[in-house]
Protein backbone atom coordinates (compact mmCIF):
# COMPACT_ATOMS: atom_id res chain seq x y z
CA MET A 1 5.93 71.44 -56.87
CA ARG A 2 5.53 70.77 -53.14
CA PHE A 3 2.08 69.48 -52.23
CA GLY A 4 2.09 69.88 -48.45
CA GLY A 5 -1.44 71.30 -48.51
CA PHE A 6 -3.89 72.95 -50.86
CA MET A 7 -5.72 76.24 -50.36
CA ILE A 8 -8.60 76.33 -52.80
CA ASP A 9 -10.73 79.27 -53.86
CA MET A 10 -14.43 78.55 -54.27
CA ASP A 11 -16.38 80.92 -56.57
CA GLY A 12 -15.09 80.48 -60.12
CA THR A 13 -12.69 77.71 -59.09
CA VAL A 14 -14.72 74.72 -57.86
CA TYR A 15 -18.16 76.15 -58.63
CA LYS A 16 -19.93 79.08 -60.27
CA GLY A 17 -23.01 80.19 -58.37
CA GLY A 18 -24.68 76.90 -57.47
CA ILE A 19 -23.14 74.76 -60.22
CA PRO A 20 -19.95 72.72 -59.60
CA ILE A 21 -17.12 72.98 -62.11
CA PRO A 22 -16.89 69.66 -64.00
CA GLY A 23 -14.25 67.48 -62.35
CA ALA A 24 -14.03 69.56 -59.15
CA VAL A 25 -15.55 66.86 -56.90
CA ASP A 26 -13.12 64.29 -58.32
CA PHE A 27 -10.23 66.73 -57.69
CA ILE A 28 -11.09 66.86 -53.97
CA GLU A 29 -11.40 63.08 -53.83
CA SER A 30 -7.96 62.83 -55.42
CA LEU A 31 -6.47 65.05 -52.70
CA LYS A 32 -8.07 62.87 -50.03
CA SER A 33 -6.81 59.67 -51.64
CA HIS A 34 -3.27 61.09 -51.64
CA GLY A 35 -3.58 62.19 -48.00
CA ILE A 36 -3.05 65.85 -48.91
CA PRO A 37 -4.82 68.30 -46.57
CA PHE A 38 -6.89 71.13 -48.03
CA VAL A 39 -8.86 74.19 -46.99
CA PHE A 40 -11.37 76.07 -49.07
CA LEU A 41 -10.74 79.82 -48.88
CA THR A 42 -13.45 82.25 -49.88
CA ASN A 43 -13.41 86.01 -49.81
CA ASN A 44 -17.20 85.93 -50.06
CA SER A 45 -18.55 87.31 -46.78
CA ALA A 46 -22.21 87.40 -47.79
CA HIS A 47 -23.08 84.39 -45.61
CA ARG A 48 -21.91 82.57 -42.50
CA ARG A 49 -19.34 79.79 -42.65
CA THR A 50 -21.90 76.97 -42.41
CA HIS A 51 -23.64 78.30 -45.54
CA TYR A 52 -20.57 77.51 -47.63
CA LEU A 53 -20.17 74.09 -46.06
CA GLU A 54 -23.80 73.24 -46.83
CA LYS A 55 -23.38 74.53 -50.38
CA LEU A 56 -20.34 72.32 -50.96
CA LEU A 57 -22.13 69.30 -49.50
CA ARG A 58 -25.16 69.85 -51.75
CA MET A 59 -22.87 69.84 -54.78
CA GLY A 60 -21.31 66.52 -53.77
CA PHE A 61 -18.08 67.60 -52.05
CA ASP A 62 -17.18 65.33 -49.10
CA VAL A 63 -15.93 68.01 -46.69
CA THR A 64 -16.37 69.26 -43.12
CA LEU A 65 -16.47 72.69 -41.51
CA ASP A 66 -12.74 72.39 -40.81
CA ASN A 67 -12.21 72.49 -44.58
CA VAL A 68 -13.78 75.96 -44.92
CA LEU A 69 -12.20 79.32 -44.03
CA THR A 70 -14.07 82.51 -44.93
CA SER A 71 -12.85 86.09 -44.93
CA THR A 72 -15.44 86.76 -42.21
CA VAL A 73 -13.82 84.22 -39.89
CA ALA A 74 -10.35 85.56 -40.72
CA THR A 75 -11.46 89.15 -40.05
CA ALA A 76 -13.02 88.24 -36.71
CA ARG A 77 -9.82 86.46 -35.66
CA PHE A 78 -7.76 89.47 -36.75
CA ILE A 79 -9.86 91.91 -34.71
CA LEU A 80 -9.86 89.66 -31.65
CA SER A 81 -6.06 89.31 -31.73
CA GLN A 82 -4.99 92.73 -33.05
CA ARG A 83 -7.79 94.98 -31.74
CA PRO A 84 -8.66 93.27 -28.42
CA GLY A 85 -11.75 94.69 -26.76
CA ALA A 86 -12.80 96.66 -29.86
CA ARG A 87 -16.45 97.60 -30.21
CA VAL A 88 -17.54 96.63 -33.74
CA TYR A 89 -20.33 98.02 -35.93
CA PRO A 90 -20.86 95.53 -38.79
CA ILE A 91 -22.24 96.37 -42.21
CA ALA A 92 -23.21 92.78 -42.97
CA ALA A 93 -26.09 90.38 -43.46
CA ASP A 94 -27.87 89.15 -40.34
CA ASP A 95 -26.46 85.59 -40.49
CA VAL A 96 -22.94 86.99 -40.87
CA ILE A 97 -23.51 89.18 -37.82
CA ASP A 98 -24.53 86.02 -35.96
CA ASP A 99 -21.18 84.48 -36.93
CA LEU A 100 -19.33 87.57 -35.73
CA LYS A 101 -21.13 87.46 -32.38
CA ALA A 102 -20.38 83.74 -32.04
CA SER A 103 -16.69 84.47 -32.64
CA GLY A 104 -16.63 86.64 -29.51
CA LEU A 105 -16.63 90.10 -31.09
CA ASP A 106 -18.37 92.90 -29.20
CA ILE A 107 -21.06 93.88 -31.72
CA VAL A 108 -22.60 97.32 -31.16
CA ASP A 109 -24.95 99.75 -32.89
CA SER A 110 -23.37 102.94 -31.58
CA ASP A 111 -19.99 104.41 -30.63
CA PRO A 112 -17.85 101.67 -32.28
CA ASP A 113 -14.08 101.45 -32.47
CA VAL A 114 -14.33 99.55 -35.77
CA VAL A 115 -16.69 99.68 -38.74
CA LEU A 116 -16.52 96.18 -40.23
CA LEU A 117 -17.57 96.10 -43.88
CA ALA A 118 -18.62 92.74 -45.33
CA PHE A 119 -20.28 91.77 -48.62
CA ASP A 120 -23.79 92.84 -47.65
CA ARG A 121 -26.57 92.19 -50.15
CA THR A 122 -28.96 93.72 -47.57
CA ILE A 123 -27.06 97.02 -47.46
CA THR A 124 -29.20 100.14 -47.03
CA TYR A 125 -28.69 103.88 -47.06
CA GLU A 126 -29.11 103.83 -43.26
CA LYS A 127 -26.23 101.36 -42.86
CA ILE A 128 -24.02 103.36 -45.22
CA ASN A 129 -24.79 106.63 -43.46
CA LYS A 130 -24.17 105.19 -39.99
CA GLY A 131 -20.87 103.70 -41.15
CA TYR A 132 -19.85 107.03 -42.65
CA ARG A 133 -20.68 108.90 -39.45
CA PHE A 134 -18.83 106.41 -37.23
CA ILE A 135 -15.69 106.55 -39.40
CA MET A 136 -15.77 110.34 -39.44
CA GLU A 137 -16.00 110.24 -35.65
CA GLY A 138 -12.82 108.15 -35.47
CA ALA A 139 -13.78 104.49 -35.97
CA GLU A 140 -11.37 102.34 -37.98
CA LEU A 141 -12.57 100.88 -41.29
CA ILE A 142 -11.85 97.15 -41.63
CA ALA A 143 -13.12 95.19 -44.64
CA THR A 144 -13.36 91.44 -45.08
CA HIS A 145 -11.97 91.40 -48.65
CA PRO A 146 -11.32 93.65 -51.68
CA ASP A 147 -13.19 91.91 -54.54
CA ASP A 148 -15.04 94.14 -57.01
CA LEU A 149 -17.16 91.33 -58.45
CA CYS A 150 -18.71 88.09 -57.23
CA PRO A 151 -19.28 85.33 -59.82
CA THR A 152 -22.82 83.98 -60.36
CA GLU A 153 -24.10 81.15 -62.57
CA ASP A 154 -24.34 83.41 -65.63
CA PHE A 155 -22.60 86.71 -64.82
CA TYR A 156 -21.23 88.73 -61.86
CA ASP A 157 -22.68 90.70 -58.93
CA VAL A 158 -21.15 93.94 -57.64
CA ASP A 159 -19.07 92.98 -54.59
CA ILE A 160 -17.51 94.92 -51.72
CA GLY A 161 -14.68 96.75 -53.51
CA PRO A 162 -16.69 99.78 -54.71
CA PHE A 163 -18.06 100.27 -51.19
CA ILE A 164 -14.56 100.19 -49.70
CA ARG A 165 -13.46 102.93 -52.11
CA MET A 166 -16.60 104.94 -51.37
CA PHE A 167 -15.88 105.02 -47.63
CA GLU A 168 -12.17 105.64 -48.20
CA ASP A 169 -12.91 108.58 -50.52
CA MET A 170 -15.65 110.10 -48.38
CA CYS A 171 -13.82 109.74 -45.08
CA ASP A 172 -10.21 110.20 -46.29
CA VAL A 173 -9.12 106.94 -44.66
CA LYS A 174 -7.44 103.72 -45.79
CA ALA A 175 -9.26 100.47 -45.02
CA VAL A 176 -7.54 97.49 -43.42
CA VAL A 177 -8.48 94.62 -45.77
CA ILE A 178 -8.13 91.09 -44.37
CA GLY A 179 -9.09 88.64 -47.14
CA LYS A 180 -7.09 87.60 -50.17
CA PRO A 181 -4.58 88.88 -51.29
CA ASN A 182 -3.60 89.52 -47.65
CA ARG A 183 -1.23 86.67 -46.80
CA LEU A 184 -2.94 86.43 -43.41
CA MET A 185 -5.58 84.17 -44.99
CA LEU A 186 -2.87 81.87 -46.35
CA GLU A 187 -1.08 81.69 -43.01
CA MET A 188 -4.33 80.93 -41.14
CA ALA A 189 -5.16 78.16 -43.58
CA ALA A 190 -1.68 76.65 -43.36
CA GLY A 191 -1.95 76.72 -39.58
CA GLU A 192 -5.28 74.91 -39.66
CA MET A 193 -3.78 72.22 -41.91
CA GLY A 194 -0.65 71.97 -39.76
CA VAL A 195 1.71 72.54 -42.70
CA ASP A 196 4.48 74.99 -43.58
CA PRO A 197 3.02 77.87 -45.64
CA MET A 198 5.94 77.47 -48.06
CA ASP A 199 4.79 73.93 -48.89
CA THR A 200 1.24 74.96 -49.79
CA VAL A 201 -0.39 75.53 -53.16
CA MET A 202 -3.01 78.24 -53.73
CA VAL A 203 -5.56 77.33 -56.40
CA GLY A 204 -7.77 80.10 -57.77
CA ASP A 205 -9.19 81.96 -60.73
CA ARG A 206 -8.24 85.55 -59.88
CA MET A 207 -4.83 87.09 -60.41
CA TYR A 208 -5.30 90.07 -58.08
CA THR A 209 -6.51 88.05 -55.06
CA ASP A 210 -5.74 84.31 -55.24
CA ILE A 211 -2.48 84.37 -57.17
CA GLN A 212 -1.27 87.68 -55.74
CA MET A 213 -1.63 86.27 -52.21
CA ALA A 214 0.56 83.27 -53.09
CA VAL A 215 3.14 85.50 -54.78
CA SER A 216 3.22 87.87 -51.79
CA ALA A 217 3.71 84.92 -49.43
CA GLY A 218 6.41 83.38 -51.63
CA THR A 219 4.54 80.12 -52.11
CA GLN A 220 3.14 78.16 -55.06
CA SER A 221 0.02 78.82 -57.10
CA ILE A 222 -2.19 77.27 -59.75
CA LEU A 223 -4.35 79.57 -61.85
CA VAL A 224 -7.45 77.97 -63.36
CA LEU A 225 -9.29 79.54 -66.30
CA THR A 226 -12.84 78.65 -65.24
CA GLY A 227 -13.55 81.99 -63.60
CA GLU A 228 -12.62 85.64 -63.95
CA THR A 229 -9.14 85.48 -65.52
CA THR A 230 -8.73 84.91 -69.25
CA ARG A 231 -5.55 84.06 -71.15
CA SER A 232 -5.38 87.64 -72.43
CA ASP A 233 -5.55 88.89 -68.81
CA LEU A 234 -2.71 86.55 -67.95
CA GLU A 235 -0.53 87.83 -70.78
CA SER A 236 -0.83 91.43 -69.56
CA SER A 237 -0.41 90.67 -65.85
CA GLU A 238 2.74 91.32 -63.84
CA VAL A 239 1.62 88.62 -61.39
CA VAL A 240 2.86 85.21 -62.53
CA PRO A 241 1.31 81.95 -61.29
CA THR A 242 3.46 78.84 -60.91
CA VAL A 243 1.15 76.81 -63.15
CA VAL A 244 -1.81 77.65 -65.41
CA LEU A 245 -4.49 75.01 -66.05
CA GLU A 246 -7.85 75.03 -67.77
CA SER A 247 -9.61 73.66 -64.68
CA VAL A 248 -9.13 72.02 -61.28
CA ALA A 249 -10.04 68.81 -63.11
CA ASP A 250 -6.46 68.89 -64.49
CA ILE A 251 -4.72 69.09 -61.10
CA PRO A 252 -4.74 65.34 -60.28
CA THR A 253 -2.36 64.80 -63.20
CA LEU A 254 0.24 66.81 -61.26
CA LEU A 255 0.03 64.87 -57.99
């Protein structure tokens, strides 16, 4: 394998909820000792970027903000570059909206060009109804990521996927989805590390986001079995990772 840089999923890969996966901190230290750059990629758009940095620091990971790329940040960059000047109505938590404003997006509460759907644990009927009305009036639906479930310490929370399908079904539209498995996240991360995307390795626990993104981009992948995917899931999947390991704790043996 080529270890030009690592893109590393977070939930289910290096931690579950607020608990680090055993050996995950040592894995990151191993990358640093080998001089291999890395970026944490998370589809979770429930919080701003600094939230995930602070979470990693609390669990003992020696990282900086440059090591964290969220689907919220990727979506903001996409809109700024591909929909310049767009007026954006976000269905998102307040701190995520603060991140979107800081990115330079034009955040509005009426007459938007884009309805931006994030993982919003503060979602209300009013937000849903406004989003529905704006899309029916011609606004484009853009979502940060497609995940159906978000891992917690002991189970899973309902994520953004069902809400994407709800808006698509009600409004007869197709959402633009930015996060994994969209290869855009991989390309952004490779750019931030200054490495060729083909020399990167995606490490994650989900076949349909983490591993599918690597397969779509034609690069390498390591599936770990500490999160959503089981061995039986792997056996029935058409998506094939480069390597399958029990945990990120096993990755230093490959370096």
